[in-house]
Amino acid sequence: DPFLYDLRVRLLQGAAVVDDITSYVGMRSVAIGKDENGFNRIMLNGRPYFMCGPLDQGWWPDGLYTAPTDEALRFDVEMTRRFGFNMARKHVKVEPARWYYHADRLGLLVWQDMPSGDKYIKPNEADIVRSPESSANFRAEWRAIMESLYSSPSIVVWVPFNEGWGQFETDRILAETKAFDPTRLVDGPSGWTDRGTGD
């Protein structure tokens, strides 16, 4: 049930309006905290909040990974909510900004993955060793994703690795992610080879 604040910014030169834009702002907190029985829970705005939703790959039968229209993007978020879900884990892609806009407006929380890449590891295997170029490319792309989506209040969790796909330097990547954005939770190798770090 989101509450968003309308925002208007005007650039003045003397009394003349040089530029005028509108946007919106949302405020929320997300953290790990104890419930009334002392168990760790995800806390949304200071209260335990159970998140339930699909692993959303953003697939479109008529456009593969590209939605045909903005209305289709909105419909996707609306139907996720109508099915009773309160979140979606955006899995193998980063959506256009309009998808996150609709998630912000319609109250769908988002766990945002880094798209998977590189070698796959099994649950009992060590992290892969990437080349310096591959490591630098991963970090640059992951940082660019987080920077571009940083202002979307619907995003509550960053997921650097999906399962074991491309999992490397897990502890360091999770720490770098949390250092970049301490306002969100960090789920490391989601559903896979947990190294005991992250949220």
C-alpha atoms as a PDB file:
ATOM      1  CA  ASP A   1       0.000   0.000   0.000  1.00  0.00           C
ATOM      2  CA  PRO A   2       2.472   2.636  -1.127  1.00  0.00           C
ATOM      3  CA  PHE A   3       2.272   6.301  -0.290  1.00  0.00           C
ATOM      4  CA  LEU A   4       4.311   8.409  -2.666  1.00  0.00           C
ATOM      5  CA  TYR A   5       4.967  12.122  -2.394  1.00  0.00           C
ATOM      6  CA  ASP A   6       4.714  14.267  -5.506  1.00  0.00           C
ATOM      7  CA  LEU A   7       7.838  16.280  -6.188  1.00  0.00           C
ATOM      8  CA  ARG A   8       8.300  19.380  -8.329  1.00  0.00           C
ATOM      9  CA  VAL A   9      11.648  21.010  -9.008  1.00  0.00           C
ATOM     10  CA  ARG A  10      12.006  24.348 -10.741  1.00  0.00           C
ATOM     11  CA  LEU A  11      15.208  25.975 -11.896  1.00  0.00           C
ATOM     12  CA  LEU A  12      14.946  29.733 -11.779  1.00  0.00           C
ATOM     13  CA  GLN A  13      17.093  32.388 -13.368  1.00  0.00           C
ATOM     14  CA  GLY A  14      15.975  35.485 -11.589  1.00  0.00           C
ATOM     15  CA  ALA A  15      12.183  35.288 -11.717  1.00  0.00           C
ATOM     16  CA  ALA A  16      12.113  33.277 -14.957  1.00  0.00           C
ATOM     17  CA  VAL A  17      11.537  29.514 -14.864  1.00  0.00           C
ATOM     18  CA  VAL A  18      14.341  27.917 -16.892  1.00  0.00           C
ATOM     19  CA  ASP A  19      13.370  24.302 -16.248  1.00  0.00           C
ATOM     20  CA  ASP A  20      10.484  22.583 -14.495  1.00  0.00           C
ATOM     21  CA  ILE A  21      10.195  18.854 -13.733  1.00  0.00           C
ATOM     22  CA  THR A  22       7.910  16.637 -11.700  1.00  0.00           C
ATOM     23  CA  SER A  23       8.647  13.303 -10.101  1.00  0.00           C
ATOM     24  CA  TYR A  24       7.825  11.409  -6.912  1.00  0.00           C
ATOM     25  CA  VAL A  25       9.526  10.337  -3.716  1.00  0.00           C
ATOM     26  CA  GLY A  26       8.861   7.321  -1.520  1.00  0.00           C
ATOM     27  CA  MET A  27      10.198   6.648   1.955  1.00  0.00           C
ATOM     28  CA  ARG A  28      10.532   3.238   3.550  1.00  0.00           C
ATOM     29  CA  SER A  29      12.995   1.246   5.588  1.00  0.00           C
ATOM     30  CA  VAL A  30      13.964  -2.391   5.224  1.00  0.00           C
ATOM     31  CA  ALA A  31      16.141  -4.296   7.686  1.00  0.00           C
ATOM     32  CA  ILE A  32      16.574  -7.567   9.529  1.00  0.00           C
ATOM     33  CA  GLY A  33      15.137  -7.467  13.032  1.00  0.00           C
ATOM     34  CA  LYS A  34      13.660  -9.633  15.780  1.00  0.00           C
ATOM     35  CA  ASP A  35       9.962 -10.398  15.928  1.00  0.00           C
ATOM     36  CA  GLU A  36       8.016 -10.735  19.195  1.00  0.00           C
ATOM     37  CA  ASN A  37       9.366 -14.309  19.597  1.00  0.00           C
ATOM     38  CA  GLY A  38      12.991 -13.321  19.022  1.00  0.00           C
ATOM     39  CA  PHE A  39      13.250 -14.737  15.492  1.00  0.00           C
ATOM     40  CA  ASN A  40      14.995 -12.837  12.708  1.00  0.00           C
ATOM     41  CA  ARG A  41      12.539 -11.386  10.218  1.00  0.00           C
ATOM     42  CA  ILE A  42      12.563  -8.956   7.344  1.00  0.00           C
ATOM     43  CA  MET A  43      11.255  -5.693   8.728  1.00  0.00           C
ATOM     44  CA  LEU A  44       9.481  -3.211   6.482  1.00  0.00           C
ATOM     45  CA  ASN A  45       9.125   0.180   8.145  1.00  0.00           C
ATOM     46  CA  GLY A  46      10.096  -1.393  11.464  1.00  0.00           C
ATOM     47  CA  ARG A  47       7.500  -4.193  11.393  1.00  0.00           C
ATOM     48  CA  PRO A  48       7.880  -7.870  10.397  1.00  0.00           C
ATOM     49  CA  TYR A  49       6.787  -8.290   6.793  1.00  0.00           C
ATOM     50  CA  PHE A  50       6.582 -11.635   5.023  1.00  0.00           C
ATOM     51  CA  MET A  51       7.434 -11.229   1.357  1.00  0.00           C
ATOM     52  CA  CYS A  52       5.893 -13.662  -1.084  1.00  0.00           C
ATOM     53  CA  GLY A  53       6.316 -13.489  -4.827  1.00  0.00           C
ATOM     54  CA  PRO A  54       7.477 -15.042  -8.056  1.00  0.00           C
ATOM     55  CA  LEU A  55      10.893 -15.335  -9.613  1.00  0.00           C
ATOM     56  CA  ASP A  56      10.057 -12.939 -12.444  1.00  0.00           C
ATOM     57  CA  GLN A  57      12.088 -13.371 -15.622  1.00  0.00           C
ATOM     58  CA  GLY A  58      10.217 -10.668 -17.533  1.00  0.00           C
ATOM     59  CA  TRP A  59       9.420 -12.970 -20.450  1.00  0.00           C
ATOM     60  CA  TRP A  60       7.132 -11.782 -23.258  1.00  0.00           C
ATOM     61  CA  PRO A  61       5.922 -14.312 -25.851  1.00  0.00           C
ATOM     62  CA  ASP A  62       5.804 -11.659 -28.568  1.00  0.00           C
ATOM     63  CA  GLY A  63       9.038  -9.878 -27.722  1.00  0.00           C
ATOM     64  CA  LEU A  64      11.135 -12.293 -25.684  1.00  0.00           C
ATOM     65  CA  TYR A  65      12.720  -9.953 -23.114  1.00  0.00           C
ATOM     66  CA  THR A  66      11.084  -6.796 -24.481  1.00  0.00           C
ATOM     67  CA  ALA A  67       7.551  -5.840 -23.480  1.00  0.00           C
ATOM     68  CA  PRO A  68       5.359  -4.712 -26.375  1.00  0.00           C
ATOM     69  CA  THR A  69       4.023  -1.586 -24.604  1.00  0.00           C
ATOM     70  CA  ASP A  70       4.096   0.393 -21.390  1.00  0.00           C
ATOM     71  CA  GLU A  71       0.562  -0.859 -20.738  1.00  0.00           C
ATOM     72  CA  ALA A  72       1.912  -4.412 -20.858  1.00  0.00           C
ATOM     73  CA  LEU A  73       4.565  -3.546 -18.264  1.00  0.00           C
ATOM     74  CA  ARG A  74       1.894  -2.074 -15.997  1.00  0.00           C
ATOM     75  CA  PHE A  75      -0.414  -5.056 -16.551  1.00  0.00           C
ATOM     76  CA  ASP A  76       2.392  -7.426 -15.528  1.00  0.00           C
ATOM     77  CA  VAL A  77       2.823  -5.623 -12.197  1.00  0.00           C
ATOM     78  CA  GLU A  78      -0.947  -5.334 -11.687  1.00  0.00           C
ATOM     79  CA  MET A  79      -1.487  -9.056 -12.256  1.00  0.00           C
ATOM     80  CA  THR A  80       1.344  -9.965  -9.898  1.00  0.00           C
ATOM     81  CA  ARG A  81      -0.466  -7.964  -7.205  1.00  0.00           C
ATOM     82  CA  ARG A  82      -3.885  -9.425  -8.124  1.00  0.00           C
ATOM     83  CA  PHE A  83      -2.499 -12.949  -7.757  1.00  0.00           C
ATOM     84  CA  GLY A  84      -1.809 -12.035  -4.126  1.00  0.00           C
ATOM     85  CA  PHE A  85       1.926 -11.477  -4.323  1.00  0.00           C
ATOM     86  CA  ASN A  86       3.554  -8.515  -2.579  1.00  0.00           C
ATOM     87  CA  MET A  87       6.999  -8.823  -4.196  1.00  0.00           C
ATOM     88  CA  ALA A  88       8.807 -10.082  -7.268  1.00  0.00           C
ATOM     89  CA  ARG A  89      12.399 -11.143  -7.628  1.00  0.00           C
ATOM     90  CA  LYS A  90      13.529  -9.664 -10.951  1.00  0.00           C
ATOM     91  CA  HIS A  91      15.723 -12.470 -12.097  1.00  0.00           C
ATOM     92  CA  VAL A  92      17.688 -12.589 -15.362  1.00  0.00           C
ATOM     93  CA  LYS A  93      17.356  -8.990 -16.459  1.00  0.00           C
ATOM     94  CA  VAL A  94      17.003  -5.369 -15.541  1.00  0.00           C
ATOM     95  CA  GLU A  95      13.680  -3.953 -16.669  1.00  0.00           C
ATOM     96  CA  PRO A  96      13.095  -0.571 -18.286  1.00  0.00           C
ATOM     97  CA  ALA A  97      12.653   2.249 -15.765  1.00  0.00           C
ATOM     98  CA  ARG A  98       8.892   2.255 -16.421  1.00  0.00           C
ATOM     99  CA  TRP A  99       8.533  -1.225 -14.903  1.00  0.00           C
ATOM    100  CA  TYR A 100      10.025   0.027 -11.613  1.00  0.00           C
ATOM    101  CA  TYR A 101       7.793   3.109 -11.831  1.00  0.00           C
ATOM    102  CA  HIS A 102       4.754   0.832 -11.979  1.00  0.00           C
ATOM    103  CA  ALA A 103       6.117  -1.271  -9.102  1.00  0.00           C
ATOM    104  CA  ASP A 104       6.602   1.918  -7.061  1.00  0.00           C
ATOM    105  CA  ARG A 105       3.063   3.151  -7.822  1.00  0.00           C
ATOM    106  CA  LEU A 106       1.290  -0.189  -7.357  1.00  0.00           C
ATOM    107  CA  GLY A 107       3.151  -1.341  -4.247  1.00  0.00           C
ATOM    108  CA  LEU A 108       5.120  -4.294  -5.551  1.00  0.00           C
ATOM    109  CA  LEU A 109       8.373  -4.800  -3.662  1.00  0.00           C
ATOM    110  CA  VAL A 110      11.355  -5.874  -5.773  1.00  0.00           C
ATOM    111  CA  TRP A 111      14.371  -8.063  -5.175  1.00  0.00           C
ATOM    112  CA  GLN A 112      16.742  -7.109  -8.005  1.00  0.00           C
ATOM    113  CA  ASP A 113      19.224  -9.662  -9.332  1.00  0.00           C
ATOM    114  CA  MET A 114      22.425  -9.099 -11.209  1.00  0.00           C
ATOM    115  CA  PRO A 115      21.833 -11.011 -14.462  1.00  0.00           C
ATOM    116  CA  SER A 116      23.627 -14.342 -14.272  1.00  0.00           C
ATOM    117  CA  GLY A 117      26.809 -14.967 -16.147  1.00  0.00           C
ATOM    118  CA  ASP A 118      30.024 -16.960 -16.328  1.00  0.00           C
ATOM    119  CA  LYS A 119      30.587 -20.493 -15.059  1.00  0.00           C
ATOM    120  CA  TYR A 120      28.039 -22.312 -12.908  1.00  0.00           C
ATOM    121  CA  ILE A 121      29.102 -23.925  -9.615  1.00  0.00           C
ATOM    122  CA  LYS A 122      27.403 -26.711  -7.691  1.00  0.00           C
ATOM    123  CA  PRO A 123      26.340 -26.177  -4.056  1.00  0.00           C
ATOM    124  CA  ASN A 124      29.437 -27.897  -2.650  1.00  0.00           C
ATOM    125  CA  GLU A 125      31.991 -26.160  -4.920  1.00  0.00           C
ATOM    126  CA  ALA A 126      34.208 -23.193  -4.221  1.00  0.00           C
ATOM    127  CA  ASP A 127      33.655 -19.806  -5.835  1.00  0.00           C
ATOM    128  CA  ILE A 128      34.918 -19.541  -9.382  1.00  0.00           C
ATOM    129  CA  VAL A 129      38.049 -17.540 -10.136  1.00  0.00           C
ATOM    130  CA  ARG A 130      37.360 -14.876 -12.738  1.00  0.00           C
ATOM    131  CA  SER A 131      39.960 -13.153 -14.844  1.00  0.00           C
ATOM    132  CA  PRO A 132      40.784  -9.590 -13.750  1.00  0.00           C
ATOM    133  CA  GLU A 133      38.878  -8.311 -16.794  1.00  0.00           C
ATOM    134  CA  SER A 134      35.793 -10.412 -16.002  1.00  0.00           C
ATOM    135  CA  SER A 135      35.862  -9.342 -12.346  1.00  0.00           C
ATOM    136  CA  ALA A 136      36.159  -5.664 -13.281  1.00  0.00           C
ATOM    137  CA  ASN A 137      33.345  -5.986 -15.823  1.00  0.00           C
ATOM    138  CA  PHE A 138      31.035  -7.655 -13.280  1.00  0.00           C
ATOM    139  CA  ARG A 139      31.707  -4.962 -10.690  1.00  0.00           C
ATOM    140  CA  ALA A 140      31.205  -2.130 -13.187  1.00  0.00           C
ATOM    141  CA  GLU A 141      27.924  -3.558 -14.499  1.00  0.00           C
ATOM    142  CA  TRP A 142      26.589  -4.367 -11.023  1.00  0.00           C
ATOM    143  CA  ARG A 143      27.448  -0.869  -9.808  1.00  0.00           C
ATOM    144  CA  ALA A 144      25.762   0.663 -12.870  1.00  0.00           C
ATOM    145  CA  ILE A 145      22.595  -1.358 -12.187  1.00  0.00           C
ATOM    146  CA  MET A 146      22.486  -0.266  -8.558  1.00  0.00           C
ATOM    147  CA  GLU A 147      23.170   3.370  -9.444  1.00  0.00           C
ATOM    148  CA  SER A 148      20.478   3.440 -12.126  1.00  0.00           C
ATOM    149  CA  LEU A 149      17.840   1.873  -9.842  1.00  0.00           C
ATOM    150  CA  TYR A 150      18.916   3.444  -6.554  1.00  0.00           C
ATOM    151  CA  SER A 151      16.017   5.919  -6.404  1.00  0.00           C
ATOM    152  CA  SER A 152      13.283   3.318  -6.841  1.00  0.00           C
ATOM    153  CA  PRO A 153      11.639   2.833  -3.424  1.00  0.00           C
ATOM    154  CA  SER A 154      10.146  -0.513  -4.492  1.00  0.00           C
ATOM    155  CA  ILE A 155      13.582  -2.160  -4.566  1.00  0.00           C
ATOM    156  CA  VAL A 156      14.254  -3.596  -1.118  1.00  0.00           C
ATOM    157  CA  VAL A 157      16.858  -6.325  -1.804  1.00  0.00           C
ATOM    158  CA  TRP A 158      19.935  -6.558  -4.045  1.00  0.00           C
ATOM    159  CA  VAL A 159      20.857 -10.069  -5.247  1.00  0.00           C
ATOM    160  CA  PRO A 160      24.399 -10.153  -6.703  1.00  0.00           C
ATOM    161  CA  PHE A 161      24.362 -13.859  -7.607  1.00  0.00           C
ATOM    162  CA  ASN A 162      21.569 -16.157  -8.711  1.00  0.00           C
ATOM    163  CA  GLU A 163      22.247 -19.603  -7.353  1.00  0.00           C
ATOM    164  CA  GLY A 164      25.764 -20.598  -8.434  1.00  0.00           C
ATOM    165  CA  TRP A 165      25.923 -18.795 -11.786  1.00  0.00           C
ATOM    166  CA  GLY A 166      29.076 -16.737 -11.908  1.00  0.00           C
ATOM    167  CA  GLN A 167      29.512 -16.783  -8.132  1.00  0.00           C
ATOM    168  CA  PHE A 168      32.953 -15.423  -7.250  1.00  0.00           C
ATOM    169  CA  GLU A 169      34.529 -13.578  -4.329  1.00  0.00           C
ATOM    170  CA  THR A 170      31.130 -13.908  -2.649  1.00  0.00           C
ATOM    171  CA  ASP A 171      32.000 -12.294   0.688  1.00  0.00           C
ATOM    172  CA  ARG A 172      33.723  -9.347  -0.976  1.00  0.00           C
ATOM    173  CA  ILE A 173      30.940  -8.721  -3.539  1.00  0.00           C
ATOM    174  CA  LEU A 174      28.279  -8.830  -0.815  1.00  0.00           C
ATOM    175  CA  ALA A 175      30.286  -6.432   1.358  1.00  0.00           C
ATOM    176  CA  GLU A 176      30.813  -4.063  -1.589  1.00  0.00           C
ATOM    177  CA  THR A 177      27.088  -4.166  -2.362  1.00  0.00           C
ATOM    178  CA  LYS A 178      26.135  -3.404   1.252  1.00  0.00           C
ATOM    179  CA  ALA A 179      28.735  -0.632   1.455  1.00  0.00           C
ATOM    180  CA  PHE A 180      27.326   0.968  -1.700  1.00  0.00           C
ATOM    181  CA  ASP A 181      23.740   0.788  -0.427  1.00  0.00           C
ATOM    182  CA  PRO A 182      23.256   0.146   3.304  1.00  0.00           C
ATOM    183  CA  THR A 183      19.544   1.090   2.997  1.00  0.00           C
ATOM    184  CA  ARG A 184      18.643  -2.228   1.363  1.00  0.00           C
ATOM    185  CA  LEU A 185      19.154  -5.880   2.210  1.00  0.00           C
ATOM    186  CA  VAL A 186      21.697  -7.981   0.329  1.00  0.00           C
ATOM    187  CA  ASP A 187      20.885 -11.586  -0.573  1.00  0.00           C
ATOM    188  CA  GLY A 188      24.047 -13.182  -1.864  1.00  0.00           C
ATOM    189  CA  PRO A 189      23.905 -16.424  -3.854  1.00  0.00           C
ATOM    190  CA  SER A 190      20.156 -16.634  -3.610  1.00  0.00           C
ATOM    191  CA  GLY A 191      18.981 -20.154  -2.961  1.00  0.00           C
ATOM    192  CA  TRP A 192      22.388 -21.728  -3.418  1.00  0.00           C
ATOM    193  CA  THR A 193      25.917 -21.788  -2.003  1.00  0.00           C
ATOM    194  CA  ASP A 194      25.571 -19.615   1.085  1.00  0.00           C
ATOM    195  CA  ARG A 195      28.907 -18.424   2.452  1.00  0.00           C
ATOM    196  CA  GLY A 196      27.375 -17.119   5.671  1.00  0.00           C
ATOM    197  CA  THR A 197      27.519 -13.444   4.730  1.00  0.00           C
ATOM    198  CA  GLY A 198      24.959 -10.931   3.538  1.00  0.00           C
ATOM    199  CA  ASP A 199      21.562 -10.390   5.093  1.00  0.00           C
END
